[in-house]
C-alpha atoms as a PDB file:
ATOM      1  CA  UNK A   1      54.812  92.674  78.682  1.00  0.00           C
ATOM      2  CA  UNK A   2      54.868  89.471  80.853  1.00  0.00           C
ATOM      3  CA  UNK A   3      57.423  88.512  83.024  1.00  0.00           C
ATOM      4  CA  UNK A   4      58.873  85.773  80.656  1.00  0.00           C
ATOM      5  CA  UNK A   5      59.498  88.638  77.819  1.00  0.00           C
ATOM      6  CA  UNK A   6      60.680  91.048  80.091  1.00  0.00           C
ATOM      7  CA  UNK A   7      63.528  88.324  81.163  1.00  0.00           C
ATOM      8  CA  UNK A   8      64.961  88.402  77.657  1.00  0.00           C
ATOM      9  CA  UNK A   9      67.491  91.221  78.630  1.00  0.00           C
ATOM     10  CA  UNK A  10      70.267  89.349  80.591  1.00  0.00           C
ATOM     11  CA  UNK A  11      73.722  90.047  81.315  1.00  0.00           C
ATOM     12  CA  UNK A  12      76.712  87.765  82.954  1.00  0.00           C
ATOM     13  CA  UNK A  13      78.495  88.829  86.332  1.00  0.00           C
ATOM     14  CA  UNK A  14      78.047  91.663  88.382  1.00  0.00           C
ATOM     15  CA  UNK A  15      77.125  95.216  87.974  1.00  0.00           C
ATOM     16  CA  UNK A  16      80.803  96.357  88.169  1.00  0.00           C
ATOM     17  CA  UNK A  17      81.475  99.444  85.797  1.00  0.00           C
ATOM     18  CA  UNK A  18      85.179  99.061  85.332  1.00  0.00           C
ATOM     19  CA  UNK A  19      85.608 101.886  82.837  1.00  0.00           C
ATOM     20  CA  UNK A  20      83.297 105.464  83.227  1.00  0.00           C
ATOM     21  CA  UNK A  21      84.076 108.031  80.038  1.00  0.00           C
ATOM     22  CA  UNK A  22      82.872 111.475  79.368  1.00  0.00           C
ATOM     23  CA  UNK A  23      82.354 111.455  75.705  1.00  0.00           C
ATOM     24  CA  UNK A  24      81.750 114.661  73.178  1.00  0.00           C
ATOM     25  CA  UNK A  25      81.286 114.615  69.818  1.00  0.00           C
ATOM     26  CA  UNK A  26      83.823 116.288  67.069  1.00  0.00           C
ATOM     27  CA  UNK A  27      82.040 119.028  65.102  1.00  0.00           C
ATOM     28  CA  UNK A  28      82.274 116.978  62.068  1.00  0.00           C
ATOM     29  CA  UNK A  29      81.623 113.951  63.383  1.00  0.00           C
ATOM     30  CA  UNK A  30      79.120 111.347  61.659  1.00  0.00           C
ATOM     31  CA  UNK A  31      77.502 110.567  65.202  1.00  0.00           C
ATOM     32  CA  UNK A  32      75.952 113.925  65.288  1.00  0.00           C
ATOM     33  CA  UNK A  33      72.835 112.909  63.092  1.00  0.00           C
ATOM     34  CA  UNK A  34      70.846 111.622  66.302  1.00  0.00           C
ATOM     35  CA  UNK A  35      70.604 108.668  68.353  1.00  0.00           C
ATOM     36  CA  UNK A  36      69.390 105.698  65.958  1.00  0.00           C
ATOM     37  CA  UNK A  37      71.947 107.086  62.976  1.00  0.00           C
ATOM     38  CA  UNK A  38      74.768 106.992  65.743  1.00  0.00           C
ATOM     39  CA  UNK A  39      73.768 103.655  66.815  1.00  0.00           C
ATOM     40  CA  UNK A  40      73.854 102.265  63.053  1.00  0.00           C
ATOM     41  CA  UNK A  41      77.244 104.013  62.301  1.00  0.00           C
ATOM     42  CA  UNK A  42      78.834 102.799  65.730  1.00  0.00           C
ATOM     43  CA  UNK A  43      77.502  99.123  65.093  1.00  0.00           C
ATOM     44  CA  UNK A  44      79.466  99.760  61.523  1.00  0.00           C
ATOM     45  CA  UNK A  45      82.449 101.216  62.906  1.00  0.00           C
ATOM     46  CA  UNK A  46      83.028  98.791  65.387  1.00  0.00           C
ATOM     47  CA  UNK A  47      81.852  95.407  63.258  1.00  0.00           C
ATOM     48  CA  UNK A  48      79.402  93.042  64.037  1.00  0.00           C
ATOM     49  CA  UNK A  49      80.948  89.690  65.901  1.00  0.00           C
ATOM     50  CA  UNK A  50      80.133  86.455  65.280  1.00  0.00           C
ATOM     51  CA  UNK A  51      80.783  82.959  66.274  1.00  0.00           C
ATOM     52  CA  UNK A  52      81.239  81.542  62.653  1.00  0.00           C
ATOM     53  CA  UNK A  53      82.842  82.899  59.578  1.00  0.00           C
ATOM     54  CA  UNK A  54      83.951  86.017  60.723  1.00  0.00           C
ATOM     55  CA  UNK A  55      87.469  87.728  59.785  1.00  0.00           C
ATOM     56  CA  UNK A  56      88.432  89.263  63.154  1.00  0.00           C
ATOM     57  CA  UNK A  57      88.365  87.982  66.564  1.00  0.00           C
ATOM     58  CA  UNK A  58      87.001  90.981  68.018  1.00  0.00           C
ATOM     59  CA  UNK A  59      83.333  92.885  67.488  1.00  0.00           C
ATOM     60  CA  UNK A  60      80.061  93.489  68.790  1.00  0.00           C
ATOM     61  CA  UNK A  61      76.568  92.593  68.940  1.00  0.00           C
ATOM     62  CA  UNK A  62      73.418  95.004  69.710  1.00  0.00           C
ATOM     63  CA  UNK A  63      71.971  94.727  73.099  1.00  0.00           C
ATOM     64  CA  UNK A  64      68.100  95.738  72.422  1.00  0.00           C
ATOM     65  CA  UNK A  65      68.147  97.257  76.346  1.00  0.00           C
ATOM     66  CA  UNK A  66      66.343 100.692  74.765  1.00  0.00           C
ATOM     67  CA  UNK A  67      63.341  98.551  73.501  1.00  0.00           C
ATOM     68  CA  UNK A  68      63.064  96.683  76.752  1.00  0.00           C
ATOM     69  CA  UNK A  69      62.856  99.463  78.918  1.00  0.00           C
ATOM     70  CA  UNK A  70      60.163 101.047  76.868  1.00  0.00           C
ATOM     71  CA  UNK A  71      58.262  97.666  76.943  1.00  0.00           C
ATOM     72  CA  UNK A  72      58.840  97.112  80.714  1.00  0.00           C
ATOM     73  CA  UNK A  73      55.802  98.046  83.109  1.00  0.00           C
ATOM     74  CA  UNK A  74      58.080  98.202  86.354  1.00  0.00           C
ATOM     75  CA  UNK A  75      60.493 100.758  84.552  1.00  0.00           C
ATOM     76  CA  UNK A  76      58.897 104.558  84.431  1.00  0.00           C
ATOM     77  CA  UNK A  77      59.401 107.936  84.765  1.00  0.00           C
ATOM     78  CA  UNK A  78      63.049 109.012  84.806  1.00  0.00           C
ATOM     79  CA  UNK A  79      64.388 105.379  84.456  1.00  0.00           C
ATOM     80  CA  UNK A  80      62.063 105.059  81.247  1.00  0.00           C
ATOM     81  CA  UNK A  81      63.474 108.297  79.862  1.00  0.00           C
ATOM     82  CA  UNK A  82      66.697 106.804  79.770  1.00  0.00           C
ATOM     83  CA  UNK A  83      65.827 104.997  77.085  1.00  0.00           C
ATOM     84  CA  UNK A  84      65.922 107.928  74.922  1.00  0.00           C
ATOM     85  CA  UNK A  85      69.365 108.363  75.331  1.00  0.00           C
ATOM     86  CA  UNK A  86      71.116 105.000  75.368  1.00  0.00           C
ATOM     87  CA  UNK A  87      72.818 102.583  72.700  1.00  0.00           C
ATOM     88  CA  UNK A  88      73.794  99.430  74.423  1.00  0.00           C
ATOM     89  CA  UNK A  89      76.260  97.029  72.834  1.00  0.00           C
ATOM     90  CA  UNK A  90      78.184  93.856  73.941  1.00  0.00           C
ATOM     91  CA  UNK A  91      81.788  93.851  72.997  1.00  0.00           C
ATOM     92  CA  UNK A  92      83.162  90.312  72.386  1.00  0.00           C
ATOM     93  CA  UNK A  93      86.561  88.796  71.654  1.00  0.00           C
ATOM     94  CA  UNK A  94      88.570  85.766  71.181  1.00  0.00           C
ATOM     95  CA  UNK A  95      90.907  84.688  73.743  1.00  0.00           C
ATOM     96  CA  UNK A  96      92.764  81.384  74.099  1.00  0.00           C
ATOM     97  CA  UNK A  97      93.412  79.378  77.479  1.00  0.00           C
ATOM     98  CA  UNK A  98      96.200  76.217  77.384  1.00  0.00           C
ATOM     99  CA  UNK A  99      94.796  72.995  78.564  1.00  0.00           C
ATOM    100  CA  UNK A 100      95.780  69.357  78.561  1.00  0.00           C
ATOM    101  CA  UNK A 101      94.106  67.772  75.853  1.00  0.00           C
ATOM    102  CA  UNK A 102      94.589  64.627  73.221  1.00  0.00           C
ATOM    103  CA  UNK A 103      95.182  65.622  69.966  1.00  0.00           C
ATOM    104  CA  UNK A 104      93.986  63.470  66.738  1.00  0.00           C
ATOM    105  CA  UNK A 105      96.412  60.663  66.084  1.00  0.00           C
ATOM    106  CA  UNK A 106      98.158  61.027  69.221  1.00  0.00           C
ATOM    107  CA  UNK A 107      98.008  59.279  72.308  1.00  0.00           C
ATOM    108  CA  UNK A 108      99.692  61.317  75.117  1.00  0.00           C
ATOM    109  CA  UNK A 109      98.098  64.174  76.711  1.00  0.00           C
ATOM    110  CA  UNK A 110      99.551  67.541  75.073  1.00  0.00           C
ATOM    111  CA  UNK A 111      99.282  71.144  76.073  1.00  0.00           C
ATOM    112  CA  UNK A 112      96.456  72.623  73.138  1.00  0.00           C
ATOM    113  CA  UNK A 113      94.971  76.164  73.088  1.00  0.00           C
ATOM    114  CA  UNK A 114      91.225  76.598  73.506  1.00  0.00           C
ATOM    115  CA  UNK A 115      89.583  79.268  72.137  1.00  0.00           C
ATOM    116  CA  UNK A 116      87.058  81.304  74.564  1.00  0.00           C
ATOM    117  CA  UNK A 117      84.870  84.310  73.986  1.00  0.00           C
ATOM    118  CA  UNK A 118      84.702  86.830  76.774  1.00  0.00           C
ATOM    119  CA  UNK A 119      82.801  89.695  76.787  1.00  0.00           C
ATOM    120  CA  UNK A 120      82.108  93.578  78.282  1.00  0.00           C
ATOM    121  CA  UNK A 121      79.183  95.841  77.985  1.00  0.00           C
ATOM    122  CA  UNK A 122      79.175  99.076  76.563  1.00  0.00           C
ATOM    123  CA  UNK A 123      76.558 101.731  77.600  1.00  0.00           C
ATOM    124  CA  UNK A 124      76.626 105.025  75.754  1.00  0.00           C
ATOM    125  CA  UNK A 125      74.534 107.639  77.109  1.00  0.00           C
ATOM    126  CA  UNK A 126      74.731 109.833  73.989  1.00  0.00           C
ATOM    127  CA  UNK A 127      76.157 111.827  73.654  1.00  0.00           C
ATOM    128  CA  UNK A 128      77.668 112.438  76.806  1.00  0.00           C
ATOM    129  CA  UNK A 129      78.944 109.343  78.806  1.00  0.00           C
ATOM    130  CA  UNK A 130      80.157 105.721  78.038  1.00  0.00           C
ATOM    131  CA  UNK A 131      80.114 103.262  80.541  1.00  0.00           C
ATOM    132  CA  UNK A 132      81.890  99.875  80.692  1.00  0.00           C
ATOM    133  CA  UNK A 133      80.292  96.913  82.648  1.00  0.00           C
ATOM    134  CA  UNK A 134      82.617  93.727  82.816  1.00  0.00           C
ATOM    135  CA  UNK A 135      85.646  92.464  84.449  1.00  0.00           C
ATOM    136  CA  UNK A 136      88.822  94.441  84.407  1.00  0.00           C
ATOM    137  CA  UNK A 137      90.822  93.158  82.224  1.00  0.00           C
ATOM    138  CA  UNK A 138      87.799  92.566  79.274  1.00  0.00           C
ATOM    139  CA  UNK A 139      86.838  96.323  79.859  1.00  0.00           C
ATOM    140  CA  UNK A 140      90.369  97.256  79.188  1.00  0.00           C
ATOM    141  CA  UNK A 141      90.091  95.066  75.828  1.00  0.00           C
ATOM    142  CA  UNK A 142      87.109  97.085  74.898  1.00  0.00           C
ATOM    143  CA  UNK A 143      87.956 100.461  75.760  1.00  0.00           C
ATOM    144  CA  UNK A 144      91.387  99.994  73.896  1.00  0.00           C
ATOM    145  CA  UNK A 145      89.223  98.183  71.022  1.00  0.00           C
ATOM    146  CA  UNK A 146      86.727 101.115  71.003  1.00  0.00           C
ATOM    147  CA  UNK A 147      88.992 104.208  71.432  1.00  0.00           C
ATOM    148  CA  UNK A 148      91.124 103.141  68.438  1.00  0.00           C
ATOM    149  CA  UNK A 149      88.706 102.004  66.035  1.00  0.00           C
ATOM    150  CA  UNK A 150      86.680 105.684  67.083  1.00  0.00           C
ATOM    151  CA  UNK A 151      89.873 107.523  66.586  1.00  0.00           C
ATOM    152  CA  UNK A 152      90.043 108.609  70.252  1.00  0.00           C
ATOM    153  CA  UNK A 153      93.336 107.576  71.474  1.00  0.00           C
ATOM    154  CA  UNK A 154      93.893 107.814  74.836  1.00  0.00           C
ATOM    155  CA  UNK A 155      96.223 110.427  75.838  1.00  0.00           C
ATOM    156  CA  UNK A 156      98.503 109.780  79.306  1.00  0.00           C
ATOM    157  CA  UNK A 157      96.202 112.207  80.879  1.00  0.00           C
ATOM    158  CA  UNK A 158      93.045 110.369  80.310  1.00  0.00           C
ATOM    159  CA  UNK A 159      91.629 112.797  77.847  1.00  0.00           C
ATOM    160  CA  UNK A 160      91.865 112.006  74.062  1.00  0.00           C
ATOM    161  CA  UNK A 161      94.882 112.478  71.511  1.00  0.00           C
ATOM    162  CA  UNK A 162      93.640 112.793  68.154  1.00  0.00           C
ATOM    163  CA  UNK A 163      95.571 111.721  64.977  1.00  0.00           C
ATOM    164  CA  UNK A 164      96.459 114.577  62.837  1.00  0.00           C
ATOM    165  CA  UNK A 165      95.947 112.218  59.739  1.00  0.00           C
ATOM    166  CA  UNK A 166      92.348 112.178  60.055  1.00  0.00           C
ATOM    167  CA  UNK A 167      89.174 114.032  61.878  1.00  0.00           C
ATOM    168  CA  UNK A 168      88.261 112.204  64.953  1.00  0.00           C
ATOM    169  CA  UNK A 169      84.430 111.370  65.548  1.00  0.00           C
ATOM    170  CA  UNK A 170      85.096 112.184  69.102  1.00  0.00           C
ATOM    171  CA  UNK A 171      86.510 115.452  70.459  1.00  0.00           C
ATOM    172  CA  UNK A 172      86.454 114.130  74.255  1.00  0.00           C
ATOM    173  CA  UNK A 173      87.030 110.171  75.308  1.00  0.00           C
ATOM    174  CA  UNK A 174      88.055 110.944  78.705  1.00  0.00           C
ATOM    175  CA  UNK A 175      88.235 108.753  81.788  1.00  0.00           C
ATOM    176  CA  UNK A 176      86.312 109.919  85.013  1.00  0.00           C
ATOM    177  CA  UNK A 177      87.974 109.254  88.000  1.00  0.00           C
ATOM    178  CA  UNK A 178      86.179 109.815  91.366  1.00  0.00           C
ATOM    179  CA  UNK A 179      88.991 111.460  93.369  1.00  0.00           C
ATOM    180  CA  UNK A 180      89.825 110.997  97.085  1.00  0.00           C
ATOM    181  CA  UNK A 181      88.952 114.432  97.773  1.00  0.00           C
ATOM    182  CA  UNK A 182      85.539 113.981  96.106  1.00  0.00           C
ATOM    183  CA  UNK A 183      84.860 111.002  98.383  1.00  0.00           C
ATOM    184  CA  UNK A 184      85.881 112.968 101.130  1.00  0.00           C
ATOM    185  CA  UNK A 185      83.395 115.846 100.001  1.00  0.00           C
ATOM    186  CA  UNK A 186      80.797 112.975 100.297  1.00  0.00           C
ATOM    187  CA  UNK A 187      81.946 111.792 103.481  1.00  0.00           C
ATOM    188  CA  UNK A 188      81.806 115.009 104.997  1.00  0.00           C
ATOM    189  CA  UNK A 189      78.277 115.755 103.632  1.00  0.00           C
ATOM    190  CA  UNK A 190      77.286 112.512 105.429  1.00  0.00           C
ATOM    191  CA  UNK A 191      78.945 113.338 108.723  1.00  0.00           C
ATOM    192  CA  UNK A 192      77.462 117.016 108.973  1.00  0.00           C
ATOM    193  CA  UNK A 193      74.077 115.504 108.017  1.00  0.00           C
ATOM    194  CA  UNK A 194      73.839 117.951 104.879  1.00  0.00           C
ATOM    195  CA  UNK A 195      72.228 116.752 101.667  1.00  0.00           C
ATOM    196  CA  UNK A 196      74.461 116.855  98.327  1.00  0.00           C
ATOM    197  CA  UNK A 197      73.497 119.879  96.658  1.00  0.00           C
ATOM    198  CA  UNK A 198      71.912 120.300  93.229  1.00  0.00           C
ATOM    199  CA  UNK A 199      71.627 116.080  93.127  1.00  0.00           C
ATOM    200  CA  UNK A 200      68.731 113.480  92.778  1.00  0.00           C
ATOM    201  CA  UNK A 201      71.447 111.001  95.430  1.00  0.00           C
ATOM    202  CA  UNK A 202      70.355 111.434  99.095  1.00  0.00           C
ATOM    203  CA  UNK A 203      73.539 109.526 100.932  1.00  0.00           C
ATOM    204  CA  UNK A 204      71.162 107.101 103.389  1.00  0.00           C
ATOM    205  CA  UNK A 205      74.152 105.609 105.040  1.00  0.00           C
ATOM    206  CA  UNK A 206      77.803 104.844 104.541  1.00  0.00           C
ATOM    207  CA  UNK A 207      78.858 101.413 105.901  1.00  0.00           C
ATOM    208  CA  UNK A 208      82.325 101.022 104.523  1.00  0.00           C
ATOM    209  CA  UNK A 209      85.363 102.641 103.770  1.00  0.00           C
ATOM    210  CA  UNK A 210      89.140 102.367 102.381  1.00  0.00           C
ATOM    211  CA  UNK A 211      92.278 104.625 102.750  1.00  0.00           C
ATOM    212  CA  UNK A 212      95.568 104.595 101.831  1.00  0.00           C
ATOM    213  CA  UNK A 213      98.642 106.347 102.999  1.00  0.00           C
ATOM    214  CA  UNK A 214     102.083 106.042 104.989  1.00  0.00           C
ATOM    215  CA  UNK A 215     102.098 102.830 107.515  1.00  0.00           C
ATOM    216  CA  UNK A 216     100.456 103.557 111.119  1.00  0.00           C
ATOM    217  CA  UNK A 217      99.565 101.241 113.888  1.00  0.00           C
ATOM    218  CA  UNK A 218      96.490 100.205 111.618  1.00  0.00           C
ATOM    219  CA  UNK A 219      98.813 100.012 108.426  1.00  0.00           C
ATOM    220  CA  UNK A 220      99.209 101.696 105.540  1.00  0.00           C
ATOM    221  CA  UNK A 221      95.819 100.471 103.671  1.00  0.00           C
ATOM    222  CA  UNK A 222      93.176 100.252 106.346  1.00  0.00           C
ATOM    223  CA  UNK A 223      89.574  98.922 105.388  1.00  0.00           C
ATOM    224  CA  UNK A 224      86.626  99.661 107.777  1.00  0.00           C
ATOM    225  CA  UNK A 225      83.389  97.645 106.776  1.00  0.00           C
ATOM    226  CA  UNK A 226      79.978  96.335 108.019  1.00  0.00           C
ATOM    227  CA  UNK A 227      79.089  99.105 110.505  1.00  0.00           C
ATOM    228  CA  UNK A 228      76.185 101.861 110.700  1.00  0.00           C
ATOM    229  CA  UNK A 229      78.248 103.908 112.287  1.00  0.00           C
ATOM    230  CA  UNK A 230      81.062 104.539 109.632  1.00  0.00           C
ATOM    231  CA  UNK A 231      80.769 108.478 110.469  1.00  0.00           C
ATOM    232  CA  UNK A 232      81.820 107.722 113.742  1.00  0.00           C
ATOM    233  CA  UNK A 233      84.629 105.025 113.446  1.00  0.00           C
ATOM    234  CA  UNK A 234      87.646 105.976 115.134  1.00  0.00           C
ATOM    235  CA  UNK A 235      89.901 104.110 113.071  1.00  0.00           C
ATOM    236  CA  UNK A 236      88.612 105.373 109.592  1.00  0.00           C
ATOM    237  CA  UNK A 237      88.593 109.239 111.388  1.00  0.00           C
ATOM    238  CA  UNK A 238      92.147 108.664 112.784  1.00  0.00           C
ATOM    239  CA  UNK A 239      93.228 107.516 109.737  1.00  0.00           C
ATOM    240  CA  UNK A 240      91.831 110.704 107.757  1.00  0.00           C
ATOM    241  CA  UNK A 241      93.426 112.907 110.622  1.00  0.00           C
ATOM    242  CA  UNK A 242      96.894 111.508 109.870  1.00  0.00           C
ATOM    243  CA  UNK A 243      96.652 112.338 106.186  1.00  0.00           C
ATOM    244  CA  UNK A 244      95.485 109.294 104.816  1.00  0.00           C
ATOM    245  CA  UNK A 245      93.319 109.265 101.393  1.00  0.00           C
ATOM    246  CA  UNK A 246      89.761 107.945 101.090  1.00  0.00           C
ATOM    247  CA  UNK A 247      90.140 105.312  98.025  1.00  0.00           C
ATOM    248  CA  UNK A 248      86.219 103.546  98.591  1.00  0.00           C
ATOM    249  CA  UNK A 249      83.337 104.296 100.201  1.00  0.00           C
ATOM    250  CA  UNK A 250      80.380 102.476 100.345  1.00  0.00           C
ATOM    251  CA  UNK A 251      76.723 102.778 101.310  1.00  0.00           C
ATOM    252  CA  UNK A 252      73.192 103.389 100.661  1.00  0.00           C
ATOM    253  CA  UNK A 253      72.121 105.686  98.181  1.00  0.00           C
ATOM    254  CA  UNK A 254      68.680 107.180  97.808  1.00  0.00           C
ATOM    255  CA  UNK A 255      67.186 108.308  94.079  1.00  0.00           C
ATOM    256  CA  UNK A 256      63.260 109.251  95.108  1.00  0.00           C
ATOM    257  CA  UNK A 257      61.930 106.032  95.948  1.00  0.00           C
ATOM    258  CA  UNK A 258      64.975 103.903  94.875  1.00  0.00           C
ATOM    259  CA  UNK A 259      67.639 102.456  97.440  1.00  0.00           C
ATOM    260  CA  UNK A 260      71.080 101.892  95.527  1.00  0.00           C
ATOM    261  CA  UNK A 261      73.622 100.148  97.476  1.00  0.00           C
ATOM    262  CA  UNK A 262      76.918 100.908  95.777  1.00  0.00           C
ATOM    263  CA  UNK A 263      80.610 100.570  96.275  1.00  0.00           C
ATOM    264  CA  UNK A 264      82.645 104.011  95.091  1.00  0.00           C
ATOM    265  CA  UNK A 265      86.090 103.451  94.049  1.00  0.00           C
ATOM    266  CA  UNK A 266      88.460 106.144  92.644  1.00  0.00           C
ATOM    267  CA  UNK A 267      88.605 103.994  89.253  1.00  0.00           C
ATOM    268  CA  UNK A 268      85.101 102.070  89.309  1.00  0.00           C
ATOM    269  CA  UNK A 269      81.633 101.682  90.560  1.00  0.00           C
ATOM    270  CA  UNK A 270      79.976  98.439  91.855  1.00  0.00           C
ATOM    271  CA  UNK A 271      76.237  98.511  92.449  1.00  0.00           C
ATOM    272  CA  UNK A 272      75.383  95.766  94.411  1.00  0.00           C
ATOM    273  CA  UNK A 273      72.054  93.726  94.293  1.00  0.00           C
ATOM    274  CA  UNK A 274      71.423  93.506  98.027  1.00  0.00           C
ATOM    275  CA  UNK A 275      69.687  96.660  98.331  1.00  0.00           C
ATOM    276  CA  UNK A 276      65.830  96.374  97.927  1.00  0.00           C
ATOM    277  CA  UNK A 277      65.278  98.395  95.065  1.00  0.00           C
ATOM    278  CA  UNK A 278      67.809  96.343  93.069  1.00  0.00           C
ATOM    279  CA  UNK A 279      67.056  92.953  94.736  1.00  0.00           C
ATOM    280  CA  UNK A 280      63.401  92.610  93.670  1.00  0.00           C
ATOM    281  CA  UNK A 281      63.734  94.013  90.166  1.00  0.00           C
ATOM    282  CA  UNK A 282      64.386  92.035  86.685  1.00  0.00           C
ATOM    283  CA  UNK A 283      67.302  92.370  85.054  1.00  0.00           C
ATOM    284  CA  UNK A 284      65.892  95.417  82.495  1.00  0.00           C
ATOM    285  CA  UNK A 285      65.118  97.436  85.789  1.00  0.00           C
ATOM    286  CA  UNK A 286      68.299  96.713  87.680  1.00  0.00           C
ATOM    287  CA  UNK A 287      70.363  97.817  84.467  1.00  0.00           C
ATOM    288  CA  UNK A 288      67.980 100.899  84.398  1.00  0.00           C
ATOM    289  CA  UNK A 289      68.703 101.658  88.079  1.00  0.00           C
ATOM    290  CA  UNK A 290      72.121 101.543  87.693  1.00  0.00           C
ATOM    291  CA  UNK A 291      72.584 103.584  84.526  1.00  0.00           C
ATOM    292  CA  UNK A 292      70.556 106.314  86.296  1.00  0.00           C
ATOM    293  CA  UNK A 293      72.539 105.985  89.008  1.00  0.00           C
ATOM    294  CA  UNK A 294      76.264 106.257  87.353  1.00  0.00           C
ATOM    295  CA  UNK A 295      74.405 109.239  85.425  1.00  0.00           C
ATOM    296  CA  UNK A 296      73.762 111.299  88.597  1.00  0.00           C
ATOM    297  CA  UNK A 297      77.362 110.289  90.159  1.00  0.00           C
ATOM    298  CA  UNK A 298      79.226 111.716  87.485  1.00  0.00           C
ATOM    299  CA  UNK A 299      76.980 114.624  86.984  1.00  0.00           C
ATOM    300  CA  UNK A 300      77.614 115.287  91.176  1.00  0.00           C
ATOM    301  CA  UNK A 301      81.562 114.900  90.332  1.00  0.00           C
ATOM    302  CA  UNK A 302      81.170 117.166  87.722  1.00  0.00           C
ATOM    303  CA  UNK A 303      79.449 120.033  89.800  1.00  0.00           C
ATOM    304  CA  UNK A 304      82.092 119.081  92.402  1.00  0.00           C
ATOM    305  CA  UNK A 305      84.910 119.737  90.676  1.00  0.00           C
ATOM    306  CA  UNK A 306      83.558 123.242  89.450  1.00  0.00           C
ATOM    307  CA  UNK A 307      82.857 124.296  92.768  1.00  0.00           C
ATOM    308  CA  UNK A 308      84.639 127.259  94.702  1.00  0.00           C
ATOM    309  CA  UNK A 309      87.795 125.973  96.773  1.00  0.00           C
ATOM    310  CA  UNK A 310      86.331 126.953  99.967  1.00  0.00           C
ATOM    311  CA  UNK A 311      83.382 124.789  99.011  1.00  0.00           C
ATOM    312  CA  UNK A 312      84.958 121.945  97.344  1.00  0.00           C
ATOM    313  CA  UNK A 313      87.539 121.143 100.297  1.00  0.00           C
ATOM    314  CA  UNK A 314      86.270 120.837 103.782  1.00  0.00           C
ATOM    315  CA  UNK A 315      87.161 123.577 106.215  1.00  0.00           C
ATOM    316  CA  UNK A 316      89.222 123.094 109.701  1.00  0.00           C
ATOM    317  CA  UNK A 317      86.387 122.605 112.130  1.00  0.00           C
ATOM    318  CA  UNK A 318      85.782 119.635 109.872  1.00  0.00           C
ATOM    319  CA  UNK A 319      88.824 118.201 110.916  1.00  0.00           C
ATOM    320  CA  UNK A 320      88.721 119.140 114.469  1.00  0.00           C
ATOM    321  CA  UNK A 321      84.852 117.755 114.694  1.00  0.00           C
ATOM    322  CA  UNK A 322      86.721 114.404 113.812  1.00  0.00           C
ATOM    323  CA  UNK A 323      89.167 114.772 116.125  1.00  0.00           C
ATOM    324  CA  UNK A 324      86.872 115.258 118.686  1.00  0.00           C
ATOM    325  CA  UNK A 325      84.779 112.438 117.744  1.00  0.00           C
ATOM    326  CA  UNK A 326      87.931 110.058 117.993  1.00  0.00           C
ATOM    327  CA  UNK A 327      88.369 111.232 121.450  1.00  0.00           C
ATOM    328  CA  UNK A 328      84.919 110.780 122.423  1.00  0.00           C
ATOM    329  CA  UNK A 329      85.132 107.382 121.162  1.00  0.00           C
ATOM    330  CA  UNK A 330      87.805 106.664 123.539  1.00  0.00           C
ATOM    331  CA  UNK A 331      90.977 106.983 120.774  1.00  0.00           C
ATOM    332  CA  UNK A 332      93.740 109.641 121.815  1.00  0.00           C
ATOM    333  CA  UNK A 333      95.387 111.350 119.278  1.00  0.00           C
ATOM    334  CA  UNK A 334      98.287 113.558 119.691  1.00  0.00           C
ATOM    335  CA  UNK A 335      97.337 116.003 116.834  1.00  0.00           C
ATOM    336  CA  UNK A 336      95.761 116.506 113.473  1.00  0.00           C
ATOM    337  CA  UNK A 337      98.594 115.902 110.790  1.00  0.00           C
ATOM    338  CA  UNK A 338     100.421 119.326 110.027  1.00  0.00           C
ATOM    339  CA  UNK A 339     100.886 117.978 106.398  1.00  0.00           C
ATOM    340  CA  UNK A 340      97.007 117.354 106.270  1.00  0.00           C
ATOM    341  CA  UNK A 341      96.518 120.981 107.496  1.00  0.00           C
ATOM    342  CA  UNK A 342      98.698 122.795 105.106  1.00  0.00           C
ATOM    343  CA  UNK A 343      97.666 120.687 102.019  1.00  0.00           C
ATOM    344  CA  UNK A 344      93.760 121.640 102.618  1.00  0.00           C
ATOM    345  CA  UNK A 345      94.814 125.278 103.928  1.00  0.00           C
ATOM    346  CA  UNK A 346      96.460 125.740 100.451  1.00  0.00           C
ATOM    347  CA  UNK A 347      93.358 123.831  98.368  1.00  0.00           C
ATOM    348  CA  UNK A 348      91.255 126.351 100.148  1.00  0.00           C
ATOM    349  CA  UNK A 349      93.212 129.381  99.894  1.00  0.00           C
ATOM    350  CA  UNK A 350      92.875 129.941 103.800  1.00  0.00           C
ATOM    351  CA  UNK A 351      95.224 132.051 105.847  1.00  0.00           C
ATOM    352  CA  UNK A 352      97.815 129.674 107.736  1.00  0.00           C
ATOM    353  CA  UNK A 353      96.477 130.984 111.256  1.00  0.00           C
ATOM    354  CA  UNK A 354      93.105 129.464 110.197  1.00  0.00           C
ATOM    355  CA  UNK A 355      94.561 126.058 110.379  1.00  0.00           C
ATOM    356  CA  UNK A 356      96.887 126.681 113.332  1.00  0.00           C
ATOM    357  CA  UNK A 357      99.873 126.933 111.192  1.00  0.00           C
END
């Protein structure tokens, strides 16, 4: 395929995924008939959005990303296999902004409402995961619209509350969050120089992180950034030792021959274009790499979530090593937070004596 044709696939904005959901289909769901049939049903249920002569101010249009992936010579192997699971839609809705303008027959400036079209992309990795890309407010609109149309009302716990009046097309529509302890688990593997088990993702380097917690000499929220030695950064290590929680990590992640620079936060993932594999790719390959990374990341989170507590949470020796690293870099700490020691002792099911309690 020519380069001109490859670039037909386009997206606006950044590769920021503000909604990451696990999905499962109800036993009697009409979406169980296969990918192509599910795509047609989904388009029909969500409704086509048209710029003229439409009855609704919300709807979707099909993104033929699946076809672009299959036709793009730069997308191969596991990236190309992604096309066999992918349903891509663009959610569009009409919003209004207030501006100064002249109304017909009026000489003075008036406040007028101007209609604008906003959008967010929906990528359904059929039938397991649904990713929403776009600005936070636009993604929120897309999630609320999609979940309501699909009889998948979002419950207060992030799961699915099915209306008893009608059968649900989805038995699960649940938000995936990357818990602070999951981020700490990733950090600990990088700190210890160990591979992530059962994953195609490898951490090349961690460069940025942020934590939140009680106010100390560094403040309540700490950001450590733009360093190749994050795992030896005293401000970050001391914050962890004083029982602050990771809420973001950023760095380079390898998937085979590809390198992805990603910022992973509790409620969203930002794939950055500065990494070599992404920077030199066309839009089709960029999105394919991003979606595959998300797949691997959510599978890794699921793996971590099912681990035995003693493998899921770091041992006391890990925190002692952080303490020693701080001292080696000239930072003096009185101790490791007792609250932290008690918390992780309980989470792991260890004896108090193992944590100097």
